[in-house]
Structure formats: structure tokens, C-alpha cells
Amino acid sequence: MDKNQVEIFKNIDKATEHFHALIDALNVVSKRLIAPWLESLRTDIEIRQSSREIKTQSRLMTVKETADYLQVQEGTLRVWANQGEIPTRRIKSEIRFDRREIDEWSRLNIHTWQK
């Protein structure tokens, strides 16, 4: 092996050491900075999803609540729901009505159901 080849191998060894040092530094940064940030981001996303679920649940009305809201008989509302004439949500075996969907439906259908 000549002098140039020896020098090249030394430089390769130094570069490899620097590369490993860089990898170690990136691992430290990842553990100290990125991991907590990701955890914070994950927590924020979970909070937002939970908040959306709560808002959606609070918008959902029972048959009685919706009948009172629309000022119709519960039986009439059930007929409409069973015939698919009004937007519904099913939660297990229970019928629920989303207030926003009902508001939109009633706005578009007021002439057909309110007499």
C-alpha cells in the first residue's frame, strides 16, 4: 500500500467517526427535542378529536328532543326516520338526530312538513 492509499483510508476512518458522532448527536436531539414535541402534538390531536366528539354528541338529539324541536309528534318523526325522509344517525339501536342536519333539512323541507 502506498502513502496515498494509507492517507485515503485514514480519511475514510475519520469520516466514519464523524458520521457516527453525527448519528449519535441526532439520536440525542431526537430523544430530547423531537420526541417530546411529537408527544405534545399527539396529545393536542387527541384533545381536538375528543373535543369534536363531545361537540358532535351534544348536537345529537333523541326522538323526543327532535320532535319537540320540530314541534311534531314523536310518531310522525319516527315514520319520517323509518322512511328515510329525515336525516338520522344510529347509535346502537337508538335513533339520533344531528341538530345541524335537522336545521338544514327543515330549512329545505319546511313547506312539506309544517302546516
N, C-alpha and C. Protein backbone atom coordinates (compact mmCIF):
# COMPACT_ATOMS: atom_id res chain seq x y z
N MET A 1 0.85 -1.17 0.00
CA MET A 1 0.00 0.00 0.00
C MET A 1 0.90 1.24 0.00
N ASP A 2 0.59 2.16 -0.91
CA ASP A 2 1.42 3.37 -0.94
C ASP A 2 0.87 4.42 0.01
N LYS A 3 1.60 5.53 0.08
CA LYS A 3 1.26 6.61 1.02
C LYS A 3 -0.13 7.19 0.76
N ASN A 4 -0.47 7.35 -0.51
CA ASN A 4 -1.77 7.93 -0.86
C ASN A 4 -2.91 7.03 -0.39
N GLN A 5 -2.77 5.75 -0.57
CA GLN A 5 -3.82 4.82 -0.15
C GLN A 5 -3.98 4.83 1.36
N VAL A 6 -2.87 4.87 2.08
CA VAL A 6 -2.91 4.94 3.55
C VAL A 6 -3.63 6.21 3.97
N GLU A 7 -3.33 7.31 3.33
CA GLU A 7 -3.96 8.59 3.66
C GLU A 7 -5.47 8.54 3.38
N ILE A 8 -5.83 7.92 2.27
CA ILE A 8 -7.24 7.79 1.92
C ILE A 8 -7.98 6.98 2.99
N PHE A 9 -7.39 5.88 3.42
CA PHE A 9 -8.04 5.05 4.45
C PHE A 9 -8.15 5.80 5.78
N LYS A 10 -7.15 6.59 6.12
CA LYS A 10 -7.22 7.40 7.35
C LYS A 10 -8.38 8.40 7.26
N ASN A 11 -8.50 9.01 6.07
CA ASN A 11 -9.58 9.99 5.89
C ASN A 11 -10.96 9.31 5.94
N ILE A 12 -11.01 8.10 5.38
CA ILE A 12 -12.26 7.35 5.45
C ILE A 12 -12.59 7.01 6.90
N ASP A 13 -11.60 6.60 7.67
CA ASP A 13 -11.82 6.29 9.09
C ASP A 13 -12.30 7.53 9.84
N LYS A 14 -11.68 8.70 9.58
CA LYS A 14 -12.10 9.94 10.24
C LYS A 14 -13.54 10.30 9.85
N ALA A 15 -13.83 10.16 8.56
CA ALA A 15 -15.18 10.47 8.09
C ALA A 15 -16.20 9.54 8.74
N THR A 16 -15.85 8.27 8.88
CA THR A 16 -16.74 7.30 9.52
C THR A 16 -16.97 7.68 10.98
N GLU A 17 -15.90 8.08 11.69
CA GLU A 17 -16.04 8.51 13.09
C GLU A 17 -16.95 9.72 13.18
N HIS A 18 -16.77 10.69 12.28
CA HIS A 18 -17.62 11.89 12.28
C HIS A 18 -19.07 11.52 11.97
N PHE A 19 -19.25 10.60 11.05
CA PHE A 19 -20.60 10.16 10.69
C PHE A 19 -21.28 9.53 11.91
N HIS A 20 -20.57 8.65 12.62
CA HIS A 20 -21.14 8.01 13.81
C HIS A 20 -21.42 9.04 14.91
N ALA A 21 -20.53 10.02 15.05
CA ALA A 21 -20.76 11.09 16.04
C ALA A 21 -22.02 11.89 15.67
N LEU A 22 -22.19 12.13 14.38
CA LEU A 22 -23.37 12.85 13.92
C LEU A 22 -24.63 12.05 14.19
N ILE A 23 -24.59 10.76 13.92
CA ILE A 23 -25.74 9.89 14.21
C ILE A 23 -26.07 9.91 15.70
N ASP A 24 -25.04 9.83 16.54
CA ASP A 24 -25.26 9.88 17.99
C ASP A 24 -25.90 11.20 18.40
N ALA A 25 -25.40 12.30 17.82
CA ALA A 25 -25.95 13.62 18.14
C ALA A 25 -27.41 13.73 17.69
N LEU A 26 -27.71 13.20 16.53
CA LEU A 26 -29.09 13.22 16.05
C LEU A 26 -30.01 12.39 16.94
N ASN A 27 -29.52 11.28 17.44
CA ASN A 27 -30.31 10.47 18.38
C ASN A 27 -30.62 11.25 19.65
N VAL A 28 -29.61 11.98 20.15
CA VAL A 28 -29.81 12.78 21.35
C VAL A 28 -30.85 13.87 21.09
N VAL A 29 -30.69 14.56 19.96
CA VAL A 29 -31.65 15.62 19.61
C VAL A 29 -33.04 15.02 19.48
N SER A 30 -33.13 13.89 18.83
CA SER A 30 -34.41 13.24 18.65
C SER A 30 -35.07 12.92 19.99
N LYS A 31 -34.29 12.36 20.90
CA LYS A 31 -34.84 11.97 22.21
C LYS A 31 -35.20 13.18 23.05
N ARG A 32 -34.39 14.23 22.99
CA ARG A 32 -34.61 15.38 23.85
C ARG A 32 -35.57 16.41 23.28
N LEU A 33 -35.59 16.56 21.98
CA LEU A 33 -36.41 17.61 21.38
C LEU A 33 -37.59 17.08 20.57
N ILE A 34 -37.30 16.20 19.67
CA ILE A 34 -38.34 15.76 18.74
C ILE A 34 -39.36 14.86 19.42
N ALA A 35 -38.91 13.93 20.23
CA ALA A 35 -39.85 13.01 20.89
C ALA A 35 -40.86 13.76 21.77
N PRO A 36 -40.42 14.70 22.62
CA PRO A 36 -41.41 15.44 23.41
C PRO A 36 -42.36 16.28 22.53
N TRP A 37 -41.82 16.84 21.46
CA TRP A 37 -42.65 17.62 20.55
C TRP A 37 -43.71 16.73 19.91
N LEU A 38 -43.28 15.54 19.46
CA LEU A 38 -44.24 14.60 18.86
C LEU A 38 -45.30 14.18 19.87
N GLU A 39 -44.89 13.95 21.10
CA GLU A 39 -45.84 13.57 22.15
C GLU A 39 -46.83 14.70 22.40
N SER A 40 -46.32 15.93 22.43
CA SER A 40 -47.19 17.10 22.60
C SER A 40 -48.17 17.21 21.44
N LEU A 41 -47.68 17.00 20.24
CA LEU A 41 -48.52 17.04 19.05
C LEU A 41 -49.59 15.95 19.12
N ARG A 42 -49.19 14.75 19.52
CA ARG A 42 -50.13 13.63 19.65
C ARG A 42 -51.21 13.96 20.68
N THR A 43 -50.80 14.54 21.80
CA THR A 43 -51.76 14.93 22.84
C THR A 43 -52.73 15.98 22.32
N ASP A 44 -52.20 16.96 21.60
CA ASP A 44 -53.04 18.02 21.03
C ASP A 44 -54.06 17.43 20.07
N ILE A 45 -53.64 16.51 19.23
CA ILE A 45 -54.56 15.87 18.29
C ILE A 45 -55.64 15.09 19.04
N GLU A 46 -55.26 14.37 20.08
CA GLU A 46 -56.23 13.60 20.86
C GLU A 46 -57.25 14.53 21.52
N ILE A 47 -56.77 15.67 22.03
CA ILE A 47 -57.67 16.64 22.66
C ILE A 47 -58.66 17.19 21.64
N ARG A 48 -58.15 17.52 20.46
CA ARG A 48 -59.03 18.06 19.41
C ARG A 48 -60.07 17.02 18.97
N GLN A 49 -59.64 15.77 18.83
CA GLN A 49 -60.58 14.72 18.44
C GLN A 49 -61.64 14.53 19.51
N SER A 50 -61.21 14.54 20.76
CA SER A 50 -62.14 14.38 21.87
C SER A 50 -63.13 15.54 21.91
N SER A 51 -62.62 16.74 21.68
CA SER A 51 -63.48 17.92 21.66
C SER A 51 -64.51 17.83 20.54
N ARG A 52 -64.08 17.37 19.37
CA ARG A 52 -65.02 17.20 18.25
C ARG A 52 -66.09 16.17 18.59
N GLU A 53 -65.69 15.08 19.24
CA GLU A 53 -66.64 14.04 19.62
C GLU A 53 -67.66 14.59 20.61
N ILE A 54 -67.19 15.38 21.57
CA ILE A 54 -68.10 15.97 22.56
C ILE A 54 -69.08 16.92 21.87
N LYS A 55 -68.56 17.74 20.94
CA LYS A 55 -69.43 18.68 20.23
C LYS A 55 -70.46 17.92 19.40
N THR A 56 -70.02 16.85 18.75
CA THR A 56 -70.95 16.06 17.94
C THR A 56 -72.00 15.43 18.82
N GLN A 57 -71.59 14.87 19.96
CA GLN A 57 -72.54 14.24 20.86
C GLN A 57 -73.54 15.25 21.40
N SER A 58 -73.10 16.48 21.70
CA SER A 58 -74.01 17.47 22.24
C SER A 58 -74.98 17.97 21.18
N ARG A 59 -74.65 17.77 19.90
CA ARG A 59 -75.55 18.16 18.81
C ARG A 59 -76.57 17.07 18.54
N LEU A 60 -76.36 15.87 19.05
CA LEU A 60 -77.27 14.77 18.77
C LEU A 60 -78.48 14.84 19.71
N MET A 61 -79.64 14.67 19.10
CA MET A 61 -80.88 14.76 19.86
C MET A 61 -81.62 13.43 19.79
N THR A 62 -82.38 13.15 20.81
CA THR A 62 -83.23 11.96 20.84
C THR A 62 -84.47 12.22 19.99
N VAL A 63 -85.31 11.19 19.86
CA VAL A 63 -86.56 11.33 19.13
C VAL A 63 -87.44 12.39 19.80
N LYS A 64 -87.55 12.30 21.14
CA LYS A 64 -88.38 13.26 21.87
C LYS A 64 -87.85 14.68 21.70
N GLU A 65 -86.55 14.86 21.88
CA GLU A 65 -85.96 16.20 21.75
C GLU A 65 -86.18 16.76 20.35
N THR A 66 -86.01 15.91 19.35
CA THR A 66 -86.17 16.36 17.96
C THR A 66 -87.63 16.66 17.66
N ALA A 67 -88.53 15.82 18.14
CA ALA A 67 -89.96 16.07 17.93
C ALA A 67 -90.35 17.40 18.57
N ASP A 68 -89.89 17.64 19.79
CA ASP A 68 -90.16 18.92 20.45
C ASP A 68 -89.55 20.07 19.66
N TYR A 69 -88.34 19.88 19.20
CA TYR A 69 -87.61 20.90 18.45
C TYR A 69 -88.35 21.27 17.17
N LEU A 70 -88.89 20.25 16.47
CA LEU A 70 -89.61 20.49 15.21
C LEU A 70 -91.10 20.74 15.42
N GLN A 71 -91.55 20.53 16.66
CA GLN A 71 -92.95 20.69 17.02
C GLN A 71 -93.84 19.75 16.20
N VAL A 72 -93.43 18.47 16.21
CA VAL A 72 -94.22 17.42 15.57
C VAL A 72 -94.38 16.28 16.57
N GLN A 73 -95.27 15.36 16.28
CA GLN A 73 -95.46 14.20 17.14
C GLN A 73 -94.27 13.25 16.99
N GLU A 74 -93.95 12.55 18.07
CA GLU A 74 -92.86 11.57 18.02
C GLU A 74 -93.13 10.50 16.97
N GLY A 75 -94.39 10.06 16.88
CA GLY A 75 -94.76 9.04 15.90
C GLY A 75 -94.49 9.51 14.48
N THR A 76 -94.83 10.75 14.20
CA THR A 76 -94.57 11.32 12.86
C THR A 76 -93.09 11.31 12.57
N LEU A 77 -92.31 11.72 13.55
CA LEU A 77 -90.85 11.76 13.38
C LEU A 77 -90.29 10.37 13.13
N ARG A 78 -90.81 9.39 13.86
CA ARG A 78 -90.36 8.01 13.66
C ARG A 78 -90.70 7.50 12.26
N VAL A 79 -91.89 7.83 11.78
CA VAL A 79 -92.28 7.44 10.42
C VAL A 79 -91.31 8.06 9.42
N TRP A 80 -91.05 9.36 9.56
CA TRP A 80 -90.12 10.03 8.65
C TRP A 80 -88.75 9.35 8.69
N ALA A 81 -88.30 9.04 9.90
CA ALA A 81 -86.98 8.41 10.06
C ALA A 81 -86.95 7.03 9.40
N ASN A 82 -87.99 6.23 9.65
CA ASN A 82 -88.04 4.88 9.08
C ASN A 82 -88.16 4.90 7.56
N GLN A 83 -88.77 5.93 7.03
CA GLN A 83 -88.92 6.05 5.57
C GLN A 83 -87.74 6.77 4.92
N GLY A 84 -86.80 7.21 5.75
CA GLY A 84 -85.63 7.90 5.22
C GLY A 84 -85.91 9.31 4.74
N GLU A 85 -86.97 9.89 5.24
CA GLU A 85 -87.35 11.25 4.82
C GLU A 85 -86.62 12.33 5.60
N ILE A 86 -85.99 11.96 6.69
CA ILE A 86 -85.29 12.92 7.54
C ILE A 86 -83.92 12.31 7.90
N PRO A 87 -82.87 13.12 7.97
CA PRO A 87 -81.55 12.55 8.28
C PRO A 87 -81.47 12.04 9.72
N THR A 88 -80.96 10.84 9.87
CA THR A 88 -80.83 10.22 11.19
C THR A 88 -79.42 9.68 11.38
N ARG A 89 -79.13 9.39 12.61
CA ARG A 89 -77.91 8.68 13.00
C ARG A 89 -78.35 7.51 13.85
N ARG A 90 -77.68 6.40 13.69
CA ARG A 90 -77.97 5.24 14.53
C ARG A 90 -76.82 5.07 15.51
N ILE A 91 -77.15 5.01 16.78
CA ILE A 91 -76.18 4.70 17.82
C ILE A 91 -76.70 3.45 18.49
N LYS A 92 -76.02 2.35 18.17
CA LYS A 92 -76.51 1.03 18.54
C LYS A 92 -77.90 0.89 17.95
N SER A 93 -78.92 0.68 18.76
CA SER A 93 -80.27 0.52 18.20
C SER A 93 -81.08 1.82 18.31
N GLU A 94 -80.47 2.85 18.82
CA GLU A 94 -81.17 4.11 19.05
C GLU A 94 -81.07 5.05 17.85
N ILE A 95 -82.14 5.77 17.58
CA ILE A 95 -82.14 6.79 16.53
C ILE A 95 -81.75 8.11 17.18
N ARG A 96 -80.86 8.81 16.53
CA ARG A 96 -80.47 10.15 16.98
C ARG A 96 -80.53 11.08 15.78
N PHE A 97 -80.65 12.36 16.07
CA PHE A 97 -80.74 13.37 15.04
C PHE A 97 -79.69 14.44 15.31
N ASP A 98 -78.92 14.76 14.29
CA ASP A 98 -77.90 15.80 14.40
C ASP A 98 -78.59 17.15 14.20
N ARG A 99 -78.45 18.02 15.18
CA ARG A 99 -79.15 19.31 15.15
C ARG A 99 -78.84 20.09 13.87
N ARG A 100 -77.58 20.09 13.43
CA ARG A 100 -77.23 20.82 12.21
C ARG A 100 -77.92 20.23 10.99
N GLU A 101 -77.93 18.90 10.91
CA GLU A 101 -78.60 18.25 9.78
C GLU A 101 -80.10 18.51 9.81
N ILE A 102 -80.68 18.51 11.00
CA ILE A 102 -82.12 18.78 11.14
C ILE A 102 -82.42 20.22 10.75
N ASP A 103 -81.58 21.15 11.16
CA ASP A 103 -81.78 22.55 10.79
C ASP A 103 -81.75 22.71 9.27
N GLU A 104 -80.79 22.08 8.63
CA GLU A 104 -80.68 22.15 7.18
C GLU A 104 -81.88 21.47 6.52
N TRP A 105 -82.24 20.29 7.01
CA TRP A 105 -83.38 19.56 6.47
C TRP A 105 -84.66 20.39 6.60
N SER A 106 -84.86 20.98 7.77
CA SER A 106 -86.10 21.74 7.98
C SER A 106 -86.12 22.99 7.12
N ARG A 107 -84.97 23.58 6.90
CA ARG A 107 -84.90 24.76 6.04
C ARG A 107 -85.30 24.39 4.61
N LEU A 108 -84.84 23.23 4.14
CA LEU A 108 -85.12 22.80 2.77
C LEU A 108 -86.51 22.19 2.62
N ASN A 109 -87.09 21.67 3.71
CA ASN A 109 -88.35 20.92 3.63
C ASN A 109 -89.48 21.54 4.40
N ILE A 110 -89.35 22.76 4.82
CA ILE A 110 -90.37 23.34 5.72
C ILE A 110 -91.75 23.34 5.09
N HIS A 111 -91.85 23.53 3.79
CA HIS A 111 -93.16 23.57 3.14
C HIS A 111 -93.85 22.21 3.11
N THR A 112 -93.10 21.11 3.25
CA THR A 112 -93.70 19.79 3.15
C THR A 112 -94.16 19.23 4.51
N TRP A 113 -93.63 19.73 5.60
CA TRP A 113 -93.99 19.13 6.89
C TRP A 113 -94.66 20.09 7.85
N GLN A 114 -94.53 21.38 7.65
CA GLN A 114 -95.13 22.30 8.62
C GLN A 114 -96.38 22.91 7.99
N LYS A 115 -97.50 22.60 8.57
CA LYS A 115 -98.77 23.12 8.04
C LYS A 115 -99.53 23.87 9.11
